[in-house]
Amino acid sequence: MLRIKKGFLLRKLGTENMAVAIGEASKEFNGMVRLNETGAFYWKELEKGTTEEELTAKTLERFEGLEAETARQDVREFLDTISIALEHDDAADN
């Protein structure tokens, strides 16, 4: 199970979706990550807790005609990009 770590927030600044770190998290990451609408959708799913496979399935539902391998690659790239903000709950995967 993947989840957004405490201290990382998604905020809308004007028309932009930005992920920011606050409090203790800002010691690890001092900056912002700009997210497009799909990235913001993934972030919101990760706030609830999800798996990479579930994100891939939701991507395929969202984008009709998208190939499964492309969806998997897109999700993996997104997760790699925000890896500092992710917490892995391996116990929940079992």
N, C-alpha and C. Protein backbone atom coordinates (compact mmCIF):
# COMPACT_ATOMS: atom_id res chain seq x y z
N MET A 1 0.86 -1.18 0.00
CA MET A 1 0.00 0.00 0.00
C MET A 1 0.90 1.23 0.00
N LEU A 2 0.55 2.18 -0.81
CA LEU A 2 1.27 3.45 -0.89
C LEU A 2 0.39 4.55 -0.32
N ARG A 3 1.04 5.49 0.35
CA ARG A 3 0.33 6.62 0.96
C ARG A 3 1.24 7.84 0.92
N ILE A 4 0.63 9.01 0.91
CA ILE A 4 1.39 10.26 1.02
C ILE A 4 1.81 10.41 2.49
N LYS A 5 3.08 10.73 2.72
CA LYS A 5 3.59 10.93 4.08
C LYS A 5 2.95 12.15 4.72
N LYS A 6 2.88 12.13 6.05
CA LYS A 6 2.43 13.31 6.79
C LYS A 6 3.34 14.48 6.45
N GLY A 7 2.75 15.64 6.33
CA GLY A 7 3.52 16.85 6.07
C GLY A 7 3.64 17.21 4.60
N PHE A 8 3.10 16.38 3.72
CA PHE A 8 3.07 16.70 2.30
C PHE A 8 1.62 16.98 1.92
N LEU A 9 1.39 18.12 1.31
CA LEU A 9 0.04 18.57 0.99
C LEU A 9 -0.10 18.92 -0.48
N LEU A 10 -1.29 18.74 -0.99
CA LEU A 10 -1.64 19.18 -2.33
C LEU A 10 -2.42 20.47 -2.20
N ARG A 11 -1.99 21.50 -2.88
CA ARG A 11 -2.66 22.79 -2.84
C ARG A 11 -2.87 23.31 -4.26
N LYS A 12 -3.95 24.02 -4.44
CA LYS A 12 -4.23 24.67 -5.72
C LYS A 12 -3.80 26.12 -5.59
N LEU A 13 -2.86 26.53 -6.40
CA LEU A 13 -2.39 27.92 -6.42
C LEU A 13 -2.78 28.51 -7.76
N GLY A 14 -3.83 29.28 -7.76
CA GLY A 14 -4.37 29.78 -9.03
C GLY A 14 -4.94 28.59 -9.79
N THR A 15 -4.38 28.34 -10.96
CA THR A 15 -4.83 27.19 -11.76
C THR A 15 -3.88 26.01 -11.64
N GLU A 16 -2.83 26.15 -10.86
CA GLU A 16 -1.80 25.11 -10.73
C GLU A 16 -2.03 24.23 -9.50
N ASN A 17 -1.81 22.94 -9.65
CA ASN A 17 -1.81 22.00 -8.53
C ASN A 17 -0.36 21.85 -8.08
N MET A 18 -0.11 22.11 -6.81
CA MET A 18 1.25 22.05 -6.28
C MET A 18 1.28 21.14 -5.06
N ALA A 19 2.29 20.27 -5.01
CA ALA A 19 2.55 19.46 -3.83
C ALA A 19 3.66 20.17 -3.05
N VAL A 20 3.42 20.37 -1.77
CA VAL A 20 4.38 21.10 -0.93
C VAL A 20 4.60 20.32 0.37
N ALA A 21 5.76 20.56 0.96
CA ALA A 21 6.08 19.96 2.26
C ALA A 21 5.99 21.03 3.32
N ILE A 22 5.44 20.65 4.48
CA ILE A 22 5.35 21.58 5.61
C ILE A 22 5.92 20.90 6.85
N GLY A 23 6.21 21.68 7.86
CA GLY A 23 6.68 21.14 9.13
C GLY A 23 7.94 20.31 8.98
N GLU A 24 7.98 19.17 9.66
CA GLU A 24 9.15 18.28 9.63
C GLU A 24 9.48 17.82 8.21
N ALA A 25 8.45 17.61 7.39
CA ALA A 25 8.67 17.14 6.02
C ALA A 25 9.48 18.13 5.20
N SER A 26 9.39 19.43 5.55
CA SER A 26 10.12 20.44 4.79
C SER A 26 11.62 20.36 5.04
N LYS A 27 12.05 19.61 6.07
CA LYS A 27 13.48 19.39 6.29
C LYS A 27 14.03 18.41 5.25
N GLU A 28 13.18 17.49 4.79
CA GLU A 28 13.56 16.53 3.76
C GLU A 28 13.44 17.12 2.37
N PHE A 29 12.40 17.91 2.17
CA PHE A 29 12.10 18.44 0.84
C PHE A 29 11.68 19.89 0.96
N ASN A 30 12.48 20.77 0.40
CA ASN A 30 12.20 22.19 0.46
C ASN A 30 11.92 22.67 -0.96
N GLY A 31 10.67 22.63 -1.34
CA GLY A 31 10.31 23.04 -2.69
C GLY A 31 8.86 22.71 -2.96
N MET A 32 8.52 22.70 -4.25
CA MET A 32 7.17 22.38 -4.69
C MET A 32 7.27 21.50 -5.92
N VAL A 33 6.27 20.67 -6.09
CA VAL A 33 6.16 19.86 -7.30
C VAL A 33 4.86 20.25 -7.99
N ARG A 34 4.97 20.69 -9.22
CA ARG A 34 3.78 21.05 -9.99
C ARG A 34 3.17 19.78 -10.57
N LEU A 35 1.86 19.63 -10.38
CA LEU A 35 1.16 18.45 -10.86
C LEU A 35 0.09 18.84 -11.86
N ASN A 36 0.00 18.08 -12.94
CA ASN A 36 -1.10 18.29 -13.87
C ASN A 36 -2.35 17.64 -13.28
N GLU A 37 -3.46 17.66 -13.98
CA GLU A 37 -4.71 17.14 -13.43
C GLU A 37 -4.61 15.65 -13.11
N THR A 38 -3.92 14.89 -13.94
CA THR A 38 -3.75 13.46 -13.67
C THR A 38 -2.90 13.26 -12.43
N GLY A 39 -1.82 14.02 -12.31
CA GLY A 39 -0.96 13.94 -11.13
C GLY A 39 -1.73 14.28 -9.86
N ALA A 40 -2.59 15.29 -9.92
CA ALA A 40 -3.40 15.67 -8.76
C ALA A 40 -4.39 14.55 -8.43
N PHE A 41 -4.95 13.91 -9.45
CA PHE A 41 -5.84 12.76 -9.24
C PHE A 41 -5.09 11.64 -8.53
N TYR A 42 -3.90 11.29 -9.02
CA TYR A 42 -3.09 10.25 -8.39
C TYR A 42 -2.79 10.62 -6.93
N TRP A 43 -2.42 11.87 -6.70
CA TRP A 43 -2.07 12.34 -5.35
C TRP A 43 -3.25 12.11 -4.40
N LYS A 44 -4.43 12.50 -4.85
CA LYS A 44 -5.63 12.33 -4.01
C LYS A 44 -5.90 10.86 -3.70
N GLU A 45 -5.66 10.00 -4.68
CA GLU A 45 -5.82 8.56 -4.44
C GLU A 45 -4.79 8.08 -3.43
N LEU A 46 -3.57 8.58 -3.54
CA LEU A 46 -2.50 8.20 -2.62
C LEU A 46 -2.76 8.71 -1.20
N GLU A 47 -3.45 9.82 -1.07
CA GLU A 47 -3.80 10.32 0.26
C GLU A 47 -4.71 9.32 0.98
N LYS A 48 -5.53 8.62 0.23
CA LYS A 48 -6.45 7.63 0.82
C LYS A 48 -5.75 6.29 1.05
N GLY A 49 -4.66 6.08 0.34
CA GLY A 49 -3.96 4.79 0.38
C GLY A 49 -4.38 3.94 -0.80
N THR A 50 -3.42 3.49 -1.58
CA THR A 50 -3.72 2.70 -2.77
C THR A 50 -2.48 1.90 -3.15
N THR A 51 -2.60 1.11 -4.17
CA THR A 51 -1.45 0.37 -4.67
C THR A 51 -1.12 0.85 -6.07
N GLU A 52 0.06 0.51 -6.52
CA GLU A 52 0.46 0.87 -7.89
C GLU A 52 -0.50 0.23 -8.90
N GLU A 53 -0.91 -0.99 -8.63
CA GLU A 53 -1.83 -1.70 -9.53
C GLU A 53 -3.19 -1.00 -9.59
N GLU A 54 -3.67 -0.53 -8.43
CA GLU A 54 -4.95 0.18 -8.41
C GLU A 54 -4.86 1.50 -9.18
N LEU A 55 -3.74 2.19 -9.04
CA LEU A 55 -3.56 3.44 -9.81
C LEU A 55 -3.55 3.15 -11.30
N THR A 56 -2.90 2.06 -11.68
CA THR A 56 -2.86 1.69 -13.10
C THR A 56 -4.26 1.39 -13.61
N ALA A 57 -5.04 0.64 -12.83
CA ALA A 57 -6.42 0.32 -13.23
C ALA A 57 -7.26 1.58 -13.37
N LYS A 58 -7.10 2.52 -12.43
CA LYS A 58 -7.86 3.77 -12.49
C LYS A 58 -7.43 4.62 -13.70
N THR A 59 -6.17 4.53 -14.06
CA THR A 59 -5.67 5.24 -15.24
C THR A 59 -6.33 4.67 -16.50
N LEU A 60 -6.43 3.36 -16.56
CA LEU A 60 -7.06 2.72 -17.73
C LEU A 60 -8.54 3.06 -17.81
N GLU A 61 -9.21 3.21 -16.66
CA GLU A 61 -10.62 3.61 -16.65
C GLU A 61 -10.78 5.04 -17.13
N ARG A 62 -9.85 5.87 -16.72
CA ARG A 62 -9.90 7.32 -16.99
C ARG A 62 -9.59 7.67 -18.44
N PHE A 63 -8.68 6.93 -19.04
CA PHE A 63 -8.21 7.23 -20.39
C PHE A 63 -8.53 6.06 -21.31
N GLU A 64 -9.70 6.11 -21.89
CA GLU A 64 -10.17 5.06 -22.78
C GLU A 64 -9.19 4.87 -23.94
N GLY A 65 -8.87 3.62 -24.22
CA GLY A 65 -7.98 3.32 -25.35
C GLY A 65 -6.51 3.29 -24.99
N LEU A 66 -6.16 3.67 -23.78
CA LEU A 66 -4.77 3.65 -23.35
C LEU A 66 -4.33 2.21 -23.15
N GLU A 67 -3.13 1.89 -23.61
CA GLU A 67 -2.61 0.53 -23.45
C GLU A 67 -2.15 0.32 -22.01
N ALA A 68 -2.33 -0.89 -21.51
CA ALA A 68 -1.99 -1.21 -20.12
C ALA A 68 -0.52 -0.94 -19.82
N GLU A 69 0.37 -1.27 -20.73
CA GLU A 69 1.80 -1.06 -20.48
C GLU A 69 2.11 0.43 -20.38
N THR A 70 1.48 1.25 -21.20
CA THR A 70 1.68 2.70 -21.14
C THR A 70 1.18 3.23 -19.81
N ALA A 71 0.02 2.75 -19.36
CA ALA A 71 -0.54 3.18 -18.07
C ALA A 71 0.41 2.80 -16.95
N ARG A 72 0.94 1.57 -16.97
CA ARG A 72 1.89 1.13 -15.93
C ARG A 72 3.13 2.02 -15.90
N GLN A 73 3.66 2.33 -17.07
CA GLN A 73 4.85 3.18 -17.16
C GLN A 73 4.56 4.59 -16.65
N ASP A 74 3.41 5.14 -17.00
CA ASP A 74 3.04 6.48 -16.56
C ASP A 74 2.91 6.54 -15.03
N VAL A 75 2.25 5.55 -14.46
CA VAL A 75 2.09 5.50 -13.00
C VAL A 75 3.45 5.36 -12.34
N ARG A 76 4.29 4.47 -12.83
CA ARG A 76 5.63 4.25 -12.26
C ARG A 76 6.45 5.54 -12.31
N GLU A 77 6.42 6.26 -13.43
CA GLU A 77 7.16 7.52 -13.56
C GLU A 77 6.65 8.55 -12.55
N PHE A 78 5.34 8.61 -12.38
CA PHE A 78 4.77 9.55 -11.40
C PHE A 78 5.25 9.19 -10.00
N LEU A 79 5.15 7.92 -9.64
CA LEU A 79 5.57 7.49 -8.30
C LEU A 79 7.06 7.75 -8.07
N ASP A 80 7.87 7.56 -9.10
CA ASP A 80 9.30 7.86 -8.98
C ASP A 80 9.52 9.35 -8.75
N THR A 81 8.74 10.17 -9.43
CA THR A 81 8.88 11.63 -9.32
C THR A 81 8.55 12.12 -7.92
N ILE A 82 7.56 11.53 -7.29
CA ILE A 82 7.15 11.99 -5.95
C ILE A 82 7.62 11.05 -4.84
N SER A 83 8.59 10.23 -5.11
CA SER A 83 9.00 9.19 -4.16
C SER A 83 9.32 9.73 -2.77
N ILE A 84 9.85 10.94 -2.68
CA ILE A 84 10.19 11.51 -1.36
C ILE A 84 8.94 11.71 -0.50
N ALA A 85 7.78 11.85 -1.14
CA ALA A 85 6.53 12.08 -0.41
C ALA A 85 5.76 10.80 -0.12
N LEU A 86 6.31 9.65 -0.53
CA LEU A 86 5.57 8.39 -0.37
C LEU A 86 6.01 7.59 0.84
N GLU A 87 5.05 6.96 1.44
CA GLU A 87 5.33 6.01 2.52
C GLU A 87 4.76 4.68 2.04
N HIS A 88 5.52 3.63 2.26
CA HIS A 88 5.12 2.28 1.83
C HIS A 88 4.70 1.49 3.05
N ASP A 89 3.50 0.98 3.01
CA ASP A 89 2.98 0.15 4.09
C ASP A 89 2.94 -1.27 3.58
N ASP A 90 4.09 -1.95 3.63
CA ASP A 90 4.20 -3.31 3.11
C ASP A 90 3.31 -4.29 3.85
N ALA A 91 3.06 -4.05 5.12
CA ALA A 91 2.22 -4.95 5.93
C ALA A 91 0.80 -4.98 5.37
N ALA A 92 0.33 -3.85 4.85
CA ALA A 92 -1.03 -3.79 4.31
C ALA A 92 -1.15 -4.52 2.97
N ASP A 93 0.00 -4.77 2.34
CA ASP A 93 -0.01 -5.47 1.04
C ASP A 93 -0.19 -6.97 1.20
N ASN A 94 0.04 -7.48 2.40
CA ASN A 94 -0.04 -8.93 2.61
C ASN A 94 -1.44 -9.38 2.94
